[in-house]
Amino acid sequence: MNDNQRAEDPDPLQPDRAGALFVPVRPGPAGCCARLFRTPLGARTAVAFTHERRLVRTLGRRQHWIRLSEPAIRALVAPLGVTGLVVDPRLAVLPLAGEPRATGTQPLSLARTA
């Protein structure tokens, strides 16, 4: 794999992915806050996607997002005691009320957390 391929399609298994990721956010008192989720085992984690279409397919069109590098995401959630980062989760969270559910997805790979 050459350097151009690596920059265009980051490997989600690599600890330091190059380029900005798509991070789901929610409104907060001082702007946007990263949305945190729970893994199937109950651990709190941040979630990010390598492509906008993957985020939309998983969380729906109404999900707000920002682009951040992996180190920025980790620095953002570290004060909350969150060390996990799931990139491109395969299974979908149940969509918000009124949001059509993507076909072929299985619900609740990650559970929403406050």
N, C-alpha and C. Protein backbone atom coordinates (compact mmCIF):
# COMPACT_ATOMS: atom_id res chain seq x y z
N MET A 1 0.85 -1.18 0.00
CA MET A 1 0.00 0.00 0.00
C MET A 1 0.89 1.23 0.00
N ASN A 2 0.62 2.17 -0.90
CA ASN A 2 1.44 3.38 -0.93
C ASN A 2 0.85 4.45 -0.01
N ASP A 3 1.59 5.56 0.18
CA ASP A 3 1.16 6.62 1.10
C ASP A 3 -0.13 7.28 0.66
N ASN A 4 -0.37 7.40 -0.66
CA ASN A 4 -1.61 8.03 -1.14
C ASN A 4 -2.82 7.19 -0.76
N GLN A 5 -2.74 5.87 -0.90
CA GLN A 5 -3.85 5.01 -0.53
C GLN A 5 -4.11 5.09 0.97
N ARG A 6 -3.07 5.13 1.77
CA ARG A 6 -3.22 5.19 3.22
C ARG A 6 -3.93 6.47 3.63
N ALA A 7 -3.62 7.61 3.00
CA ALA A 7 -4.24 8.89 3.35
C ALA A 7 -5.70 8.92 2.93
N GLU A 8 -6.05 8.26 1.82
CA GLU A 8 -7.42 8.30 1.34
C GLU A 8 -8.32 7.34 2.07
N ASP A 9 -7.83 6.19 2.49
CA ASP A 9 -8.65 5.18 3.13
C ASP A 9 -7.96 4.68 4.39
N PRO A 10 -8.08 5.44 5.51
CA PRO A 10 -7.38 5.06 6.72
C PRO A 10 -7.83 3.70 7.23
N ASP A 11 -6.89 2.96 7.77
CA ASP A 11 -7.18 1.64 8.32
C ASP A 11 -7.77 1.80 9.72
N PRO A 12 -9.03 1.38 9.93
CA PRO A 12 -9.65 1.57 11.25
C PRO A 12 -8.98 0.78 12.36
N LEU A 13 -8.13 -0.17 12.03
CA LEU A 13 -7.45 -0.94 13.06
C LEU A 13 -6.15 -0.27 13.51
N GLN A 14 -5.68 0.71 12.78
CA GLN A 14 -4.46 1.42 13.15
C GLN A 14 -4.76 2.41 14.26
N PRO A 15 -3.89 2.50 15.28
CA PRO A 15 -4.17 3.40 16.40
C PRO A 15 -4.16 4.88 16.04
N ASP A 16 -3.38 5.29 15.06
CA ASP A 16 -3.31 6.69 14.66
C ASP A 16 -3.68 6.83 13.20
N ARG A 17 -4.96 7.06 12.95
CA ARG A 17 -5.43 7.24 11.58
C ARG A 17 -5.12 8.66 11.11
N ALA A 18 -4.68 8.78 9.88
CA ALA A 18 -4.41 10.10 9.32
C ALA A 18 -5.72 10.70 8.82
N GLY A 19 -5.81 12.01 8.87
CA GLY A 19 -6.97 12.69 8.33
C GLY A 19 -8.08 12.86 9.35
N ALA A 20 -9.04 13.69 9.00
CA ALA A 20 -10.15 13.99 9.89
C ALA A 20 -11.22 12.92 9.79
N LEU A 21 -11.84 12.63 10.91
CA LEU A 21 -12.94 11.68 10.98
C LEU A 21 -14.24 12.45 11.19
N PHE A 22 -15.36 11.82 10.90
CA PHE A 22 -16.68 12.41 11.09
C PHE A 22 -17.18 11.97 12.46
N VAL A 23 -17.39 12.95 13.36
CA VAL A 23 -17.72 12.67 14.75
C VAL A 23 -19.14 13.16 15.04
N PRO A 24 -20.04 12.26 15.50
CA PRO A 24 -21.39 12.70 15.84
C PRO A 24 -21.36 13.62 17.06
N VAL A 25 -22.14 14.70 16.99
CA VAL A 25 -22.21 15.67 18.07
C VAL A 25 -23.67 15.97 18.40
N ARG A 26 -23.85 16.59 19.55
CA ARG A 26 -25.17 17.07 19.97
C ARG A 26 -25.00 18.48 20.49
N PRO A 27 -26.09 19.28 20.50
CA PRO A 27 -25.97 20.65 21.01
C PRO A 27 -25.65 20.63 22.51
N GLY A 28 -24.82 21.56 22.91
CA GLY A 28 -24.47 21.69 24.32
C GLY A 28 -24.52 23.15 24.73
N PRO A 29 -24.30 23.44 26.00
CA PRO A 29 -24.40 24.82 26.47
C PRO A 29 -23.37 25.77 25.85
N ALA A 30 -22.23 25.24 25.45
CA ALA A 30 -21.19 26.09 24.88
C ALA A 30 -20.91 25.76 23.42
N GLY A 31 -21.86 25.15 22.74
CA GLY A 31 -21.66 24.75 21.35
C GLY A 31 -21.97 23.27 21.19
N CYS A 32 -21.15 22.59 20.41
CA CYS A 32 -21.37 21.16 20.17
C CYS A 32 -20.58 20.31 21.16
N CYS A 33 -21.18 19.19 21.53
CA CYS A 33 -20.53 18.20 22.40
C CYS A 33 -20.48 16.88 21.66
N ALA A 34 -19.40 16.16 21.82
CA ALA A 34 -19.31 14.83 21.20
C ALA A 34 -20.36 13.92 21.82
N ARG A 35 -21.06 13.17 20.99
CA ARG A 35 -22.01 12.17 21.50
C ARG A 35 -21.22 10.96 21.94
N LEU A 36 -21.52 10.48 23.12
CA LEU A 36 -20.89 9.28 23.64
C LEU A 36 -21.89 8.14 23.58
N PHE A 37 -21.38 6.94 23.44
CA PHE A 37 -22.20 5.75 23.33
C PHE A 37 -21.67 4.71 24.30
N ARG A 38 -22.37 3.59 24.39
CA ARG A 38 -21.89 2.46 25.17
C ARG A 38 -21.70 1.27 24.25
N THR A 39 -20.63 0.56 24.46
CA THR A 39 -20.38 -0.66 23.70
C THR A 39 -21.35 -1.74 24.18
N PRO A 40 -21.44 -2.86 23.47
CA PRO A 40 -22.32 -3.94 23.95
C PRO A 40 -21.96 -4.43 25.35
N LEU A 41 -20.73 -4.22 25.78
CA LEU A 41 -20.32 -4.63 27.14
C LEU A 41 -20.52 -3.53 28.17
N GLY A 42 -21.03 -2.37 27.74
CA GLY A 42 -21.36 -1.30 28.67
C GLY A 42 -20.32 -0.22 28.86
N ALA A 43 -19.18 -0.30 28.22
CA ALA A 43 -18.14 0.73 28.37
C ALA A 43 -18.51 1.96 27.56
N ARG A 44 -18.31 3.15 28.16
CA ARG A 44 -18.54 4.39 27.41
C ARG A 44 -17.45 4.55 26.36
N THR A 45 -17.85 5.04 25.19
CA THR A 45 -16.90 5.20 24.09
C THR A 45 -17.30 6.35 23.20
N ALA A 46 -16.31 6.93 22.55
CA ALA A 46 -16.56 7.90 21.48
C ALA A 46 -16.70 7.11 20.19
N VAL A 47 -17.37 7.68 19.22
CA VAL A 47 -17.59 7.03 17.93
C VAL A 47 -17.19 8.01 16.83
N ALA A 48 -16.58 7.49 15.77
CA ALA A 48 -16.22 8.32 14.63
C ALA A 48 -16.36 7.48 13.36
N PHE A 49 -16.47 8.16 12.25
CA PHE A 49 -16.65 7.49 10.96
C PHE A 49 -15.64 8.02 9.96
N THR A 50 -15.19 7.14 9.08
CA THR A 50 -14.21 7.55 8.07
C THR A 50 -14.86 8.27 6.89
N HIS A 51 -16.16 8.10 6.71
CA HIS A 51 -16.87 8.77 5.62
C HIS A 51 -18.22 9.26 6.11
N GLU A 52 -18.66 10.40 5.60
CA GLU A 52 -19.96 10.94 5.99
C GLU A 52 -21.09 9.95 5.70
N ARG A 53 -21.03 9.25 4.57
CA ARG A 53 -22.11 8.32 4.23
C ARG A 53 -22.22 7.19 5.25
N ARG A 54 -21.12 6.79 5.86
CA ARG A 54 -21.18 5.75 6.89
C ARG A 54 -21.87 6.28 8.15
N LEU A 55 -21.58 7.53 8.51
CA LEU A 55 -22.23 8.14 9.65
C LEU A 55 -23.74 8.23 9.40
N VAL A 56 -24.12 8.72 8.23
CA VAL A 56 -25.53 8.87 7.89
C VAL A 56 -26.23 7.52 7.86
N ARG A 57 -25.61 6.52 7.28
CA ARG A 57 -26.20 5.18 7.21
C ARG A 57 -26.42 4.61 8.62
N THR A 58 -25.54 4.92 9.55
CA THR A 58 -25.62 4.37 10.89
C THR A 58 -26.51 5.19 11.82
N LEU A 59 -26.39 6.52 11.78
CA LEU A 59 -27.08 7.37 12.75
C LEU A 59 -28.20 8.22 12.15
N GLY A 60 -28.34 8.23 10.84
CA GLY A 60 -29.42 8.99 10.22
C GLY A 60 -28.98 10.35 9.69
N ARG A 61 -29.78 10.86 8.77
CA ARG A 61 -29.46 12.15 8.12
C ARG A 61 -29.51 13.33 9.07
N ARG A 62 -30.31 13.23 10.13
CA ARG A 62 -30.46 14.38 11.03
C ARG A 62 -29.34 14.48 12.06
N GLN A 63 -28.45 13.50 12.11
CA GLN A 63 -27.35 13.52 13.07
C GLN A 63 -26.35 14.60 12.69
N HIS A 64 -26.09 15.52 13.59
CA HIS A 64 -25.08 16.55 13.36
C HIS A 64 -23.70 15.94 13.57
N TRP A 65 -22.70 16.49 12.89
CA TRP A 65 -21.35 15.96 13.01
C TRP A 65 -20.33 17.08 12.79
N ILE A 66 -19.13 16.83 13.26
CA ILE A 66 -17.99 17.70 12.98
C ILE A 66 -16.84 16.81 12.55
N ARG A 67 -15.82 17.42 11.95
CA ARG A 67 -14.64 16.66 11.55
C ARG A 67 -13.51 16.96 12.51
N LEU A 68 -12.93 15.90 13.04
CA LEU A 68 -11.81 16.01 13.97
C LEU A 68 -10.80 14.91 13.68
N SER A 69 -9.55 15.19 14.00
CA SER A 69 -8.52 14.14 13.91
C SER A 69 -8.69 13.20 15.09
N GLU A 70 -8.12 12.02 14.98
CA GLU A 70 -8.21 11.07 16.09
C GLU A 70 -7.60 11.62 17.38
N PRO A 71 -6.42 12.25 17.34
CA PRO A 71 -5.89 12.81 18.60
C PRO A 71 -6.81 13.87 19.20
N ALA A 72 -7.49 14.66 18.36
CA ALA A 72 -8.41 15.68 18.87
C ALA A 72 -9.63 15.05 19.52
N ILE A 73 -10.15 13.97 18.94
CA ILE A 73 -11.29 13.26 19.53
C ILE A 73 -10.90 12.71 20.90
N ARG A 74 -9.76 12.07 20.96
CA ARG A 74 -9.30 11.48 22.22
C ARG A 74 -9.09 12.56 23.28
N ALA A 75 -8.52 13.71 22.89
CA ALA A 75 -8.30 14.81 23.84
C ALA A 75 -9.64 15.40 24.30
N LEU A 76 -10.63 15.41 23.43
CA LEU A 76 -11.95 15.95 23.76
C LEU A 76 -12.66 15.10 24.82
N VAL A 77 -12.57 13.79 24.71
CA VAL A 77 -13.32 12.92 25.62
C VAL A 77 -12.50 12.44 26.83
N ALA A 78 -11.20 12.63 26.80
CA ALA A 78 -10.35 12.17 27.91
C ALA A 78 -10.75 12.77 29.26
N PRO A 79 -11.09 14.09 29.35
CA PRO A 79 -11.49 14.63 30.65
C PRO A 79 -12.75 13.97 31.23
N LEU A 80 -13.52 13.29 30.38
CA LEU A 80 -14.73 12.60 30.83
C LEU A 80 -14.43 11.16 31.25
N GLY A 81 -13.16 10.78 31.18
CA GLY A 81 -12.77 9.43 31.54
C GLY A 81 -13.02 8.41 30.44
N VAL A 82 -13.27 8.89 29.23
CA VAL A 82 -13.53 8.00 28.10
C VAL A 82 -12.23 7.76 27.35
N THR A 83 -11.84 6.51 27.22
CA THR A 83 -10.61 6.18 26.50
C THR A 83 -10.89 5.43 25.21
N GLY A 84 -12.09 4.87 25.06
CA GLY A 84 -12.42 4.10 23.87
C GLY A 84 -12.84 4.97 22.70
N LEU A 85 -12.49 4.51 21.51
CA LEU A 85 -12.92 5.15 20.27
C LEU A 85 -13.25 4.05 19.29
N VAL A 86 -14.52 3.98 18.88
CA VAL A 86 -14.95 3.00 17.89
C VAL A 86 -15.07 3.72 16.56
N VAL A 87 -14.33 3.24 15.57
CA VAL A 87 -14.36 3.84 14.24
C VAL A 87 -15.16 2.93 13.32
N ASP A 88 -16.11 3.55 12.61
CA ASP A 88 -16.97 2.84 11.66
C ASP A 88 -17.66 1.62 12.27
N PRO A 89 -18.47 1.84 13.32
CA PRO A 89 -19.20 0.70 13.86
C PRO A 89 -20.08 0.10 12.78
N ARG A 90 -20.14 -1.22 12.73
CA ARG A 90 -20.88 -1.90 11.66
C ARG A 90 -22.36 -1.94 11.90
N LEU A 91 -22.78 -2.04 13.14
CA LEU A 91 -24.20 -2.15 13.43
C LEU A 91 -24.77 -0.78 13.75
N ALA A 92 -26.05 -0.63 13.57
CA ALA A 92 -26.68 0.68 13.70
C ALA A 92 -27.33 0.87 15.05
N VAL A 93 -27.33 2.13 15.49
CA VAL A 93 -28.13 2.56 16.62
C VAL A 93 -29.54 2.74 16.09
N LEU A 94 -30.53 2.48 16.92
CA LEU A 94 -31.89 2.73 16.46
C LEU A 94 -32.03 4.20 16.10
N PRO A 95 -32.68 4.52 14.97
CA PRO A 95 -32.82 5.91 14.56
C PRO A 95 -33.74 6.68 15.50
N LEU A 96 -33.61 8.00 15.46
CA LEU A 96 -34.50 8.86 16.23
C LEU A 96 -35.91 8.72 15.68
N ALA A 97 -36.89 9.08 16.48
CA ALA A 97 -38.29 9.00 16.04
C ALA A 97 -38.47 9.78 14.74
N GLY A 98 -39.13 9.17 13.79
CA GLY A 98 -39.38 9.83 12.51
C GLY A 98 -38.29 9.63 11.48
N GLU A 99 -37.14 9.10 11.89
CA GLU A 99 -36.02 8.87 10.96
C GLU A 99 -36.18 7.47 10.38
N PRO A 100 -36.17 7.34 9.06
CA PRO A 100 -36.31 6.00 8.49
C PRO A 100 -35.12 5.12 8.85
N ARG A 101 -35.38 3.86 9.13
CA ARG A 101 -34.33 2.92 9.50
C ARG A 101 -33.71 2.34 8.24
N ALA A 102 -32.40 2.29 8.22
CA ALA A 102 -31.70 1.71 7.07
C ALA A 102 -32.00 0.22 7.00
N THR A 103 -32.21 -0.28 5.81
CA THR A 103 -32.48 -1.71 5.68
C THR A 103 -31.16 -2.47 5.76
N GLY A 104 -31.23 -3.67 6.27
CA GLY A 104 -30.05 -4.51 6.36
C GLY A 104 -29.16 -4.22 7.54
N THR A 105 -29.58 -3.33 8.45
CA THR A 105 -28.76 -3.04 9.62
C THR A 105 -29.37 -3.71 10.84
N GLN A 106 -28.55 -3.99 11.81
CA GLN A 106 -29.02 -4.57 13.05
C GLN A 106 -28.95 -3.51 14.13
N PRO A 107 -29.99 -3.34 14.96
CA PRO A 107 -30.01 -2.28 15.95
C PRO A 107 -29.09 -2.54 17.13
N LEU A 108 -28.69 -1.46 17.76
CA LEU A 108 -28.04 -1.44 19.05
C LEU A 108 -26.70 -2.15 19.16
N SER A 109 -25.81 -1.86 18.25
CA SER A 109 -24.42 -2.22 18.46
C SER A 109 -23.87 -1.35 19.58
N LEU A 110 -24.30 -0.10 19.56
CA LEU A 110 -23.88 0.87 20.56
C LEU A 110 -25.13 1.48 21.16
N ALA A 111 -25.22 1.58 22.45
CA ALA A 111 -26.36 2.20 23.10
C ALA A 111 -26.02 3.65 23.41
N ARG A 112 -26.98 4.51 23.26
CA ARG A 112 -26.75 5.93 23.54
C ARG A 112 -26.53 6.13 25.03
N THR A 113 -25.70 7.10 25.34
CA THR A 113 -25.46 7.47 26.73
C THR A 113 -25.60 8.96 26.86
N ALA A 114 -25.92 9.43 28.03
CA ALA A 114 -26.14 10.87 28.26
C ALA A 114 -24.87 11.65 28.15
